[in-house]
């Protein structure tokens, strides 16, 4: 029984150290990676011209033991909730994503900053695999996005169906 309380206490301490920022307008805020010792890298930059106010969301893991996909899912979920709060027919569209690079040591924990725009759900979006030419390369690309948590299973299935019908 004593061990259960110890594990619960440790889990609360570890989870309590994770940080997340307020969602702010890009025009009124600076990147959390600016002037950081570990600057990270651009993981994704959309080639699409997306109209609308750009927002920034930042999440950082509490330790180097968790991966980027978990904090990405949490950030995307918060961004979607933010867009739905503005209008129930809105969803987030990722414009850019910047992540920390391993090694995750000395305070360089997994971090992610997503720049997004709230768009209408019914807006026709261009395929996320525009830069890839071959059908099999497209399938490989969207599988990677599924595996790292960028796409949900439903989004993956829709994109896969589009690719296979080409």
Protein backbone atom coordinates (compact mmCIF):
# COMPACT_ATOMS: atom_id res chain seq x y z
CA UNK A 1 0.00 0.00 0.00
CA UNK A 2 2.87 2.30 0.85
CA UNK A 3 4.40 1.72 -2.60
CA UNK A 4 1.19 2.79 -4.33
CA UNK A 5 1.32 6.20 -2.64
CA UNK A 6 4.99 6.51 -3.54
CA UNK A 7 4.27 5.80 -7.22
CA UNK A 8 1.31 8.17 -7.28
CA UNK A 9 3.41 10.87 -5.65
CA UNK A 10 6.23 10.41 -8.14
CA UNK A 11 3.79 10.49 -11.06
CA UNK A 12 2.27 13.74 -9.77
CA UNK A 13 5.68 15.33 -9.32
CA UNK A 14 6.85 14.32 -12.79
CA UNK A 15 3.62 15.31 -14.53
CA UNK A 16 3.50 18.58 -12.61
CA UNK A 17 6.82 19.70 -14.09
CA UNK A 18 5.61 19.70 -17.69
CA UNK A 19 4.90 23.14 -19.03
CA UNK A 20 2.57 24.60 -21.57
CA UNK A 21 2.07 28.15 -22.68
CA UNK A 22 -1.01 30.20 -23.21
CA UNK A 23 -2.17 30.28 -26.80
CA UNK A 24 -1.08 33.66 -28.15
CA UNK A 25 -1.25 35.54 -31.42
CA UNK A 26 2.00 35.19 -33.36
CA UNK A 27 1.95 38.95 -34.01
CA UNK A 28 1.94 39.62 -30.25
CA UNK A 29 4.39 37.00 -29.00
CA UNK A 30 7.85 35.55 -29.52
CA UNK A 31 8.91 31.98 -30.07
CA UNK A 32 9.80 30.02 -26.95
CA UNK A 33 12.83 28.77 -28.87
CA UNK A 34 14.19 32.31 -29.36
CA UNK A 35 17.51 32.72 -27.52
CA UNK A 36 17.26 29.16 -26.15
CA UNK A 37 20.49 27.23 -25.58
CA UNK A 38 19.03 24.34 -27.57
CA UNK A 39 17.31 26.01 -30.52
CA UNK A 40 15.76 22.89 -32.01
CA UNK A 41 14.69 22.57 -35.62
CA UNK A 42 11.77 23.24 -37.93
CA UNK A 43 9.95 19.92 -38.14
CA UNK A 44 7.28 21.09 -40.56
CA UNK A 45 6.46 24.24 -42.51
CA UNK A 46 3.33 24.31 -44.64
CA UNK A 47 3.75 25.29 -48.26
CA UNK A 48 0.09 26.36 -48.42
CA UNK A 49 -0.99 29.98 -48.17
CA UNK A 50 -3.41 29.96 -45.27
CA UNK A 51 -5.46 33.05 -44.47
CA UNK A 52 -6.40 34.03 -40.96
CA UNK A 53 -4.91 35.02 -37.63
CA UNK A 54 -1.88 32.91 -36.70
CA UNK A 55 -1.57 31.57 -33.19
CA UNK A 56 1.29 29.97 -31.28
CA UNK A 57 1.14 27.12 -28.75
CA UNK A 58 4.11 25.67 -26.84
CA UNK A 59 4.43 22.46 -24.82
CA UNK A 60 7.44 21.00 -23.02
CA UNK A 61 7.76 17.55 -21.45
CA UNK A 62 8.74 17.21 -17.80
CA UNK A 63 11.69 14.95 -18.56
CA UNK A 64 13.79 13.59 -21.37
CA UNK A 65 12.07 10.21 -21.12
CA UNK A 66 8.86 11.15 -22.92
CA UNK A 67 8.70 11.58 -26.66
CA UNK A 68 7.60 14.44 -28.84
CA UNK A 69 4.47 12.65 -30.06
CA UNK A 70 2.76 12.87 -26.66
CA UNK A 71 3.30 16.58 -26.27
CA UNK A 72 2.33 17.09 -29.93
CA UNK A 73 -1.00 15.35 -29.33
CA UNK A 74 -1.62 17.49 -26.25
CA UNK A 75 -0.76 20.71 -28.10
CA UNK A 76 -2.93 19.81 -31.10
CA UNK A 77 -5.82 18.90 -28.81
CA UNK A 78 -5.57 22.26 -27.01
CA UNK A 79 -5.30 24.13 -30.32
CA UNK A 80 -8.41 22.39 -31.66
CA UNK A 81 -10.30 23.19 -28.46
CA UNK A 82 -9.19 26.82 -28.81
CA UNK A 83 -10.52 26.97 -32.39
CA UNK A 84 -13.80 25.26 -31.47
CA UNK A 85 -14.27 27.74 -28.63
CA UNK A 86 -14.09 30.54 -31.20
CA UNK A 87 -16.55 28.77 -33.53
CA UNK A 88 -17.80 25.19 -33.32
CA UNK A 89 -17.20 24.79 -37.09
CA UNK A 90 -13.50 25.65 -36.80
CA UNK A 91 -10.48 23.43 -36.47
CA UNK A 92 -6.79 24.09 -36.28
CA UNK A 93 -4.59 23.96 -39.37
CA UNK A 94 -0.86 23.62 -38.69
CA UNK A 95 1.18 26.29 -40.45
CA UNK A 96 4.52 25.41 -38.85
CA UNK A 97 5.98 23.17 -36.18
CA UNK A 98 9.29 23.59 -34.38
CA UNK A 99 10.67 20.87 -32.10
CA UNK A 100 13.61 20.29 -29.80
CA UNK A 101 16.36 17.99 -31.02
CA UNK A 102 17.91 15.14 -29.05
CA UNK A 103 19.89 14.53 -26.93
CA UNK A 104 17.30 15.27 -24.26
CA UNK A 105 19.73 16.14 -21.48
CA UNK A 106 20.59 19.12 -19.30
CA UNK A 107 17.14 20.69 -19.54
CA UNK A 108 16.75 20.05 -23.26
CA UNK A 109 13.53 18.12 -22.81
CA UNK A 110 11.16 17.35 -25.68
CA UNK A 111 9.53 20.63 -26.67
CA UNK A 112 7.19 21.62 -29.46
CA UNK A 113 5.86 24.91 -30.72
CA UNK A 114 3.05 24.89 -33.25
CA UNK A 115 1.91 27.86 -35.29
CA UNK A 116 -1.65 27.39 -36.47
CA UNK A 117 -4.69 29.06 -38.00
CA UNK A 118 -8.32 28.31 -37.16
CA UNK A 119 -10.10 27.35 -40.38
CA UNK A 120 -13.57 26.14 -41.29
CA UNK A 121 -13.86 22.37 -41.15
CA UNK A 122 -15.53 22.30 -44.53
CA UNK A 123 -12.64 24.16 -46.23
CA UNK A 124 -11.01 21.96 -48.84
CA UNK A 125 -7.42 21.49 -47.76
CA UNK A 126 -4.62 20.59 -50.07
CA UNK A 127 -3.04 17.17 -49.50
CA UNK A 128 -0.39 17.09 -46.79
CA UNK A 129 1.95 15.12 -49.01
CA UNK A 130 2.31 17.64 -51.88
CA UNK A 131 6.10 17.48 -51.97
CA UNK A 132 6.17 13.71 -52.52
CA UNK A 133 5.76 12.35 -56.06
CA UNK A 134 5.46 8.56 -55.94
CA UNK A 135 2.32 6.84 -54.56
CA UNK A 136 4.39 4.64 -52.26
CA UNK A 137 6.40 7.61 -50.99
CA UNK A 138 3.10 9.34 -50.19
CA UNK A 139 1.91 6.30 -48.25
CA UNK A 140 5.21 6.13 -46.35
CA UNK A 141 5.00 9.85 -45.53
CA UNK A 142 1.48 9.70 -44.12
CA UNK A 143 2.37 6.54 -42.15
CA UNK A 144 5.20 8.47 -40.49
CA UNK A 145 2.74 11.24 -39.63
CA UNK A 146 0.36 8.67 -38.14
CA UNK A 147 3.14 7.04 -36.11
CA UNK A 148 4.37 10.31 -34.62
CA UNK A 149 0.85 11.43 -33.70
CA UNK A 150 0.46 14.24 -36.23
CA UNK A 151 -2.42 12.40 -37.93
CA UNK A 152 -5.23 10.52 -36.27
CA UNK A 153 -6.19 7.08 -37.55
CA UNK A 154 -9.27 8.58 -39.25
CA UNK A 155 -7.20 11.27 -41.01
CA UNK A 156 -4.70 8.62 -42.08
CA UNK A 157 -7.46 6.45 -43.55
CA UNK A 158 -8.89 9.39 -45.54
CA UNK A 159 -5.46 10.35 -46.93
CA UNK A 160 -4.63 6.72 -47.72
CA UNK A 161 -7.88 6.34 -49.63
CA UNK A 162 -7.07 9.51 -51.65
CA UNK A 163 -3.61 8.22 -52.52
CA UNK A 164 -4.79 4.77 -53.54
CA UNK A 165 -7.52 6.21 -55.75
CA UNK A 166 -5.05 8.36 -57.74
